[in-house]
Amino acid sequence: KWAIQGDVELEYDLLALEDPQNIVVDLCYHEGRKDHYAVVFGFDWVGRAHGDTNNNAEDNHGMPRTCVIKYPVAVDIDEWVLQGSWEAWKSRLVGKALSDYKLPRNKKVRVKIARAGKGIRLFAGSALLWEGEDEAYQEGALLFFSDCRVRMDNLSITFKPVK
């Protein structure tokens, strides 16, 4: 975790060694709290244990696999088959997809996440994938995690503190 306040830009090489599943960078994260932004590759809310044997619930309900989500999200996993649960997720998306990008497996991709003012933008290579605005959370930590095996290299973090 790295503490941030103000604008931040992250760049890194990302290689998914398995099918991408919940590869996340949290922005403005506070341990023990649920208010933060999550930049996600391979969004996967429902697993096989809950009945999504083909891993297609997200696609079937129109939830983007690459996205920026503003937490907290009030959903109950036991209600994953209900459209209302998916609408709750979608209502917490920050901005919109500019492509239906899916992170490839076994191919290195240069990722850039930029938070400037209320803007949040996500790039893969030179392509802008996602763009949104929200200014609710402006400080906290960066947190990296993944539900699949990944390799990250050449991490660069540029802080632009609030004046």
C-alpha atoms as a PDB file:
ATOM      1  CA  LYS A   1       0.000   0.000   0.000  1.00  0.00           C
ATOM      2  CA  TRP A   2       1.123   3.538  -0.777  1.00  0.00           C
ATOM      3  CA  ALA A   3      -0.553   6.602   0.747  1.00  0.00           C
ATOM      4  CA  ILE A   4      -1.866   9.184  -1.712  1.00  0.00           C
ATOM      5  CA  GLN A   5      -3.480  12.571  -1.451  1.00  0.00           C
ATOM      6  CA  GLY A   6      -4.285  14.436  -4.607  1.00  0.00           C
ATOM      7  CA  ASP A   7      -3.570  13.297  -8.132  1.00  0.00           C
ATOM      8  CA  VAL A   8      -1.741  10.092  -8.946  1.00  0.00           C
ATOM      9  CA  GLU A   9      -0.657   8.261 -12.077  1.00  0.00           C
ATOM     10  CA  LEU A  10       0.363   4.597 -12.112  1.00  0.00           C
ATOM     11  CA  GLU A  11       1.969   2.712 -14.961  1.00  0.00           C
ATOM     12  CA  TYR A  12       3.038  -0.915 -14.992  1.00  0.00           C
ATOM     13  CA  ASP A  13       3.417  -3.958 -17.181  1.00  0.00           C
ATOM     14  CA  LEU A  14       0.720  -6.526 -16.430  1.00  0.00           C
ATOM     15  CA  LEU A  15       0.797 -10.163 -17.468  1.00  0.00           C
ATOM     16  CA  ALA A  16      -2.155 -12.396 -16.569  1.00  0.00           C
ATOM     17  CA  LEU A  17      -0.830 -15.946 -16.221  1.00  0.00           C
ATOM     18  CA  GLU A  18      -4.374 -17.330 -15.966  1.00  0.00           C
ATOM     19  CA  ASP A  19      -7.725 -16.165 -17.259  1.00  0.00           C
ATOM     20  CA  PRO A  20      -8.029 -12.639 -15.783  1.00  0.00           C
ATOM     21  CA  GLN A  21     -10.174 -12.567 -12.664  1.00  0.00           C
ATOM     22  CA  ASN A  22     -10.539  -9.543 -10.384  1.00  0.00           C
ATOM     23  CA  ILE A  23      -7.154  -7.962 -11.050  1.00  0.00           C
ATOM     24  CA  VAL A  24      -7.612  -4.787  -9.020  1.00  0.00           C
ATOM     25  CA  VAL A  25      -5.904  -1.551  -8.092  1.00  0.00           C
ATOM     26  CA  ASP A  26      -7.793   0.249  -5.335  1.00  0.00           C
ATOM     27  CA  LEU A  27      -7.464   4.029  -5.211  1.00  0.00           C
ATOM     28  CA  CYS A  28      -8.075   5.976  -1.982  1.00  0.00           C
ATOM     29  CA  TYR A  29      -8.339   2.776   0.085  1.00  0.00           C
ATOM     30  CA  HIS A  30      -8.563   2.845   3.895  1.00  0.00           C
ATOM     31  CA  GLU A  31      -8.068  -0.397   5.780  1.00  0.00           C
ATOM     32  CA  GLY A  32     -11.289  -1.534   7.444  1.00  0.00           C
ATOM     33  CA  ARG A  33     -13.462   0.837   5.405  1.00  0.00           C
ATOM     34  CA  LYS A  34     -15.375   0.149   2.221  1.00  0.00           C
ATOM     35  CA  ASP A  35     -15.120   3.552   0.520  1.00  0.00           C
ATOM     36  CA  HIS A  36     -12.632   3.483  -2.355  1.00  0.00           C
ATOM     37  CA  TYR A  37     -12.378   3.228  -6.130  1.00  0.00           C
ATOM     38  CA  ALA A  38     -11.500  -0.125  -7.693  1.00  0.00           C
ATOM     39  CA  VAL A  39      -9.955  -0.273 -11.158  1.00  0.00           C
ATOM     40  CA  VAL A  40     -10.713  -3.840 -12.289  1.00  0.00           C
ATOM     41  CA  PHE A  41      -9.629  -6.154 -15.076  1.00  0.00           C
ATOM     42  CA  GLY A  42     -11.652  -9.378 -15.266  1.00  0.00           C
ATOM     43  CA  PHE A  43     -14.507  -8.337 -12.967  1.00  0.00           C
ATOM     44  CA  ASP A  44     -16.023 -11.525 -11.535  1.00  0.00           C
ATOM     45  CA  TRP A  45     -18.609 -11.199  -8.767  1.00  0.00           C
ATOM     46  CA  VAL A  46     -20.273 -14.605  -8.982  1.00  0.00           C
ATOM     47  CA  GLY A  47     -18.300 -17.819  -8.815  1.00  0.00           C
ATOM     48  CA  ARG A  48     -18.982 -21.464  -9.460  1.00  0.00           C
ATOM     49  CA  ALA A  49     -19.781 -22.042  -5.781  1.00  0.00           C
ATOM     50  CA  HIS A  50     -22.830 -19.770  -6.180  1.00  0.00           C
ATOM     51  CA  GLY A  51     -24.051 -21.404  -9.385  1.00  0.00           C
ATOM     52  CA  ASP A  52     -22.267 -19.556 -12.201  1.00  0.00           C
ATOM     53  CA  THR A  53     -20.716 -22.725 -13.639  1.00  0.00           C
ATOM     54  CA  ASN A  54     -19.834 -21.142 -16.999  1.00  0.00           C
ATOM     55  CA  ASN A  55     -18.518 -17.843 -15.541  1.00  0.00           C
ATOM     56  CA  ASN A  56     -20.882 -15.812 -17.692  1.00  0.00           C
ATOM     57  CA  ALA A  57     -23.247 -14.148 -15.186  1.00  0.00           C
ATOM     58  CA  GLU A  58     -21.451 -10.806 -15.550  1.00  0.00           C
ATOM     59  CA  ASP A  59     -21.683 -10.917 -19.339  1.00  0.00           C
ATOM     60  CA  ASN A  60     -25.327 -12.064 -19.267  1.00  0.00           C
ATOM     61  CA  HIS A  61     -26.271  -9.129 -17.023  1.00  0.00           C
ATOM     62  CA  GLY A  62     -24.290  -6.505 -18.958  1.00  0.00           C
ATOM     63  CA  MET A  63     -21.630  -5.869 -16.319  1.00  0.00           C
ATOM     64  CA  PRO A  64     -18.338  -4.815 -17.909  1.00  0.00           C
ATOM     65  CA  ARG A  65     -15.323  -7.017 -17.128  1.00  0.00           C
ATOM     66  CA  THR A  66     -12.973  -4.008 -17.322  1.00  0.00           C
ATOM     67  CA  CYS A  67     -14.283  -1.127 -15.226  1.00  0.00           C
ATOM     68  CA  VAL A  68     -13.915   1.405 -12.422  1.00  0.00           C
ATOM     69  CA  ILE A  69     -16.237   0.858  -9.468  1.00  0.00           C
ATOM     70  CA  LYS A  70     -16.963   3.185  -6.562  1.00  0.00           C
ATOM     71  CA  TYR A  71     -17.293   1.215  -3.342  1.00  0.00           C
ATOM     72  CA  PRO A  72     -19.243   0.521  -1.215  1.00  0.00           C
ATOM     73  CA  VAL A  73     -21.724  -1.419  -3.327  1.00  0.00           C
ATOM     74  CA  ALA A  74     -24.817  -2.708  -1.517  1.00  0.00           C
ATOM     75  CA  VAL A  75     -25.395  -6.187  -2.969  1.00  0.00           C
ATOM     76  CA  ASP A  76     -26.118  -9.638  -1.556  1.00  0.00           C
ATOM     77  CA  ILE A  77     -24.325 -12.546  -3.238  1.00  0.00           C
ATOM     78  CA  ASP A  78     -27.334 -14.778  -2.601  1.00  0.00           C
ATOM     79  CA  GLU A  79     -29.345 -12.542  -4.951  1.00  0.00           C
ATOM     80  CA  TRP A  80     -26.907 -12.705  -7.878  1.00  0.00           C
ATOM     81  CA  VAL A  81     -29.611 -14.032 -10.230  1.00  0.00           C
ATOM     82  CA  LEU A  82     -31.764 -10.913  -9.694  1.00  0.00           C
ATOM     83  CA  GLN A  83     -31.368  -8.038 -12.142  1.00  0.00           C
ATOM     84  CA  GLY A  84     -31.582  -5.559  -9.234  1.00  0.00           C
ATOM     85  CA  SER A  85     -28.262  -6.811  -7.892  1.00  0.00           C
ATOM     86  CA  TRP A  86     -26.612  -6.088 -11.223  1.00  0.00           C
ATOM     87  CA  GLU A  87     -28.227  -2.663 -11.396  1.00  0.00           C
ATOM     88  CA  ALA A  88     -26.700  -1.911  -7.982  1.00  0.00           C
ATOM     89  CA  TRP A  89     -23.248  -2.756  -9.404  1.00  0.00           C
ATOM     90  CA  LYS A  90     -23.844  -0.716 -12.553  1.00  0.00           C
ATOM     91  CA  SER A  91     -25.038   2.288 -10.533  1.00  0.00           C
ATOM     92  CA  ARG A  92     -21.626   2.360  -8.834  1.00  0.00           C
ATOM     93  CA  LEU A  93     -19.588   2.424 -12.037  1.00  0.00           C
ATOM     94  CA  VAL A  94     -17.521   5.592 -12.335  1.00  0.00           C
ATOM     95  CA  GLY A  95     -17.883   6.678 -15.936  1.00  0.00           C
ATOM     96  CA  LYS A  96     -18.098   4.347 -18.882  1.00  0.00           C
ATOM     97  CA  ALA A  97     -16.215   1.953 -21.089  1.00  0.00           C
ATOM     98  CA  LEU A  98     -14.756   3.316 -24.298  1.00  0.00           C
ATOM     99  CA  SER A  99     -14.186  -0.251 -25.502  1.00  0.00           C
ATOM    100  CA  ASP A 100     -15.193  -3.757 -24.413  1.00  0.00           C
ATOM    101  CA  TYR A 101     -11.570  -4.584 -23.641  1.00  0.00           C
ATOM    102  CA  LYS A 102     -10.729  -7.896 -22.007  1.00  0.00           C
ATOM    103  CA  LEU A 103      -7.227  -8.341 -20.663  1.00  0.00           C
ATOM    104  CA  PRO A 104      -5.535 -11.147 -22.595  1.00  0.00           C
ATOM    105  CA  ARG A 105      -3.949 -14.170 -20.953  1.00  0.00           C
ATOM    106  CA  ASN A 106      -0.180 -14.644 -21.364  1.00  0.00           C
ATOM    107  CA  LYS A 107       0.366 -11.326 -23.130  1.00  0.00           C
ATOM    108  CA  LYS A 108       2.109  -8.416 -21.416  1.00  0.00           C
ATOM    109  CA  VAL A 109       0.137  -5.166 -21.469  1.00  0.00           C
ATOM    110  CA  ARG A 110       1.299  -1.712 -20.351  1.00  0.00           C
ATOM    111  CA  VAL A 111      -1.395  -0.369 -17.999  1.00  0.00           C
ATOM    112  CA  LYS A 112      -1.848   3.256 -17.027  1.00  0.00           C
ATOM    113  CA  ILE A 113      -4.278   4.515 -14.390  1.00  0.00           C
ATOM    114  CA  ALA A 114      -4.571   8.281 -14.012  1.00  0.00           C
ATOM    115  CA  ARG A 115      -6.479  10.081 -11.274  1.00  0.00           C
ATOM    116  CA  ALA A 116      -6.458  13.858 -11.852  1.00  0.00           C
ATOM    117  CA  GLY A 117      -8.939  15.998  -9.951  1.00  0.00           C
ATOM    118  CA  LYS A 118     -12.249  14.217 -10.307  1.00  0.00           C
ATOM    119  CA  GLY A 119     -11.194  12.357 -13.461  1.00  0.00           C
ATOM    120  CA  ILE A 120     -10.241   8.679 -13.506  1.00  0.00           C
ATOM    121  CA  ARG A 121      -8.892   7.154 -16.716  1.00  0.00           C
ATOM    122  CA  LEU A 122      -7.675   3.655 -17.550  1.00  0.00           C
ATOM    123  CA  PHE A 123      -5.412   2.790 -20.483  1.00  0.00           C
ATOM    124  CA  ALA A 124      -4.009  -0.454 -21.905  1.00  0.00           C
ATOM    125  CA  GLY A 125      -1.137   0.321 -24.219  1.00  0.00           C
ATOM    126  CA  SER A 126      -2.088   3.621 -25.840  1.00  0.00           C
ATOM    127  CA  ALA A 127      -5.825   2.843 -25.889  1.00  0.00           C
ATOM    128  CA  LEU A 128      -8.118   4.690 -23.490  1.00  0.00           C
ATOM    129  CA  LEU A 129     -10.411   1.960 -22.143  1.00  0.00           C
ATOM    130  CA  TRP A 130     -12.413   3.706 -19.456  1.00  0.00           C
ATOM    131  CA  GLU A 131     -13.099   7.285 -18.461  1.00  0.00           C
ATOM    132  CA  GLY A 132     -15.115   8.724 -15.612  1.00  0.00           C
ATOM    133  CA  GLU A 133     -15.460  11.485 -13.068  1.00  0.00           C
ATOM    134  CA  ASP A 134     -16.056  11.379  -9.339  1.00  0.00           C
ATOM    135  CA  GLU A 135     -14.521  13.408  -6.545  1.00  0.00           C
ATOM    136  CA  ALA A 136     -15.896  11.743  -3.412  1.00  0.00           C
ATOM    137  CA  TYR A 137     -12.630  10.069  -2.342  1.00  0.00           C
ATOM    138  CA  GLN A 138      -9.459  12.109  -2.581  1.00  0.00           C
ATOM    139  CA  GLU A 139      -6.999  10.457  -0.237  1.00  0.00           C
ATOM    140  CA  GLY A 140      -6.073   7.041   1.039  1.00  0.00           C
ATOM    141  CA  ALA A 141      -3.798   4.284  -0.149  1.00  0.00           C
ATOM    142  CA  LEU A 142      -3.089   2.331  -3.308  1.00  0.00           C
ATOM    143  CA  LEU A 143      -3.752  -1.374  -2.936  1.00  0.00           C
ATOM    144  CA  PHE A 144      -2.989  -4.070  -5.508  1.00  0.00           C
ATOM    145  CA  PHE A 145      -4.574  -7.539  -5.487  1.00  0.00           C
ATOM    146  CA  SER A 146      -5.755 -10.280  -7.782  1.00  0.00           C
ATOM    147  CA  ASP A 147      -7.863 -13.449  -7.697  1.00  0.00           C
ATOM    148  CA  CYS A 148      -5.631 -15.016 -10.366  1.00  0.00           C
ATOM    149  CA  ARG A 149      -1.914 -15.355 -10.907  1.00  0.00           C
ATOM    150  CA  VAL A 150      -0.420 -12.236 -12.482  1.00  0.00           C
ATOM    151  CA  ARG A 151       2.974 -10.698 -12.942  1.00  0.00           C
ATOM    152  CA  MET A 152       3.561  -6.958 -12.546  1.00  0.00           C
ATOM    153  CA  ASP A 153       6.783  -5.281 -13.638  1.00  0.00           C
ATOM    154  CA  ASN A 154       8.171  -1.805 -14.214  1.00  0.00           C
ATOM    155  CA  LEU A 155       5.854  -0.051 -11.763  1.00  0.00           C
ATOM    156  CA  SER A 156       5.946   3.734 -11.882  1.00  0.00           C
ATOM    157  CA  ILE A 157       3.887   5.877  -9.496  1.00  0.00           C
ATOM    158  CA  THR A 158       3.758   9.656  -9.902  1.00  0.00           C
ATOM    159  CA  PHE A 159       2.170  11.668  -7.118  1.00  0.00           C
ATOM    160  CA  LYS A 160       0.856  15.180  -7.669  1.00  0.00           C
ATOM    161  CA  PRO A 161       0.005  16.425  -4.173  1.00  0.00           C
ATOM    162  CA  VAL A 162      -2.807  18.819  -3.379  1.00  0.00           C
ATOM    163  CA  LYS A 163      -1.504  22.361  -2.966  1.00  0.00           C
END
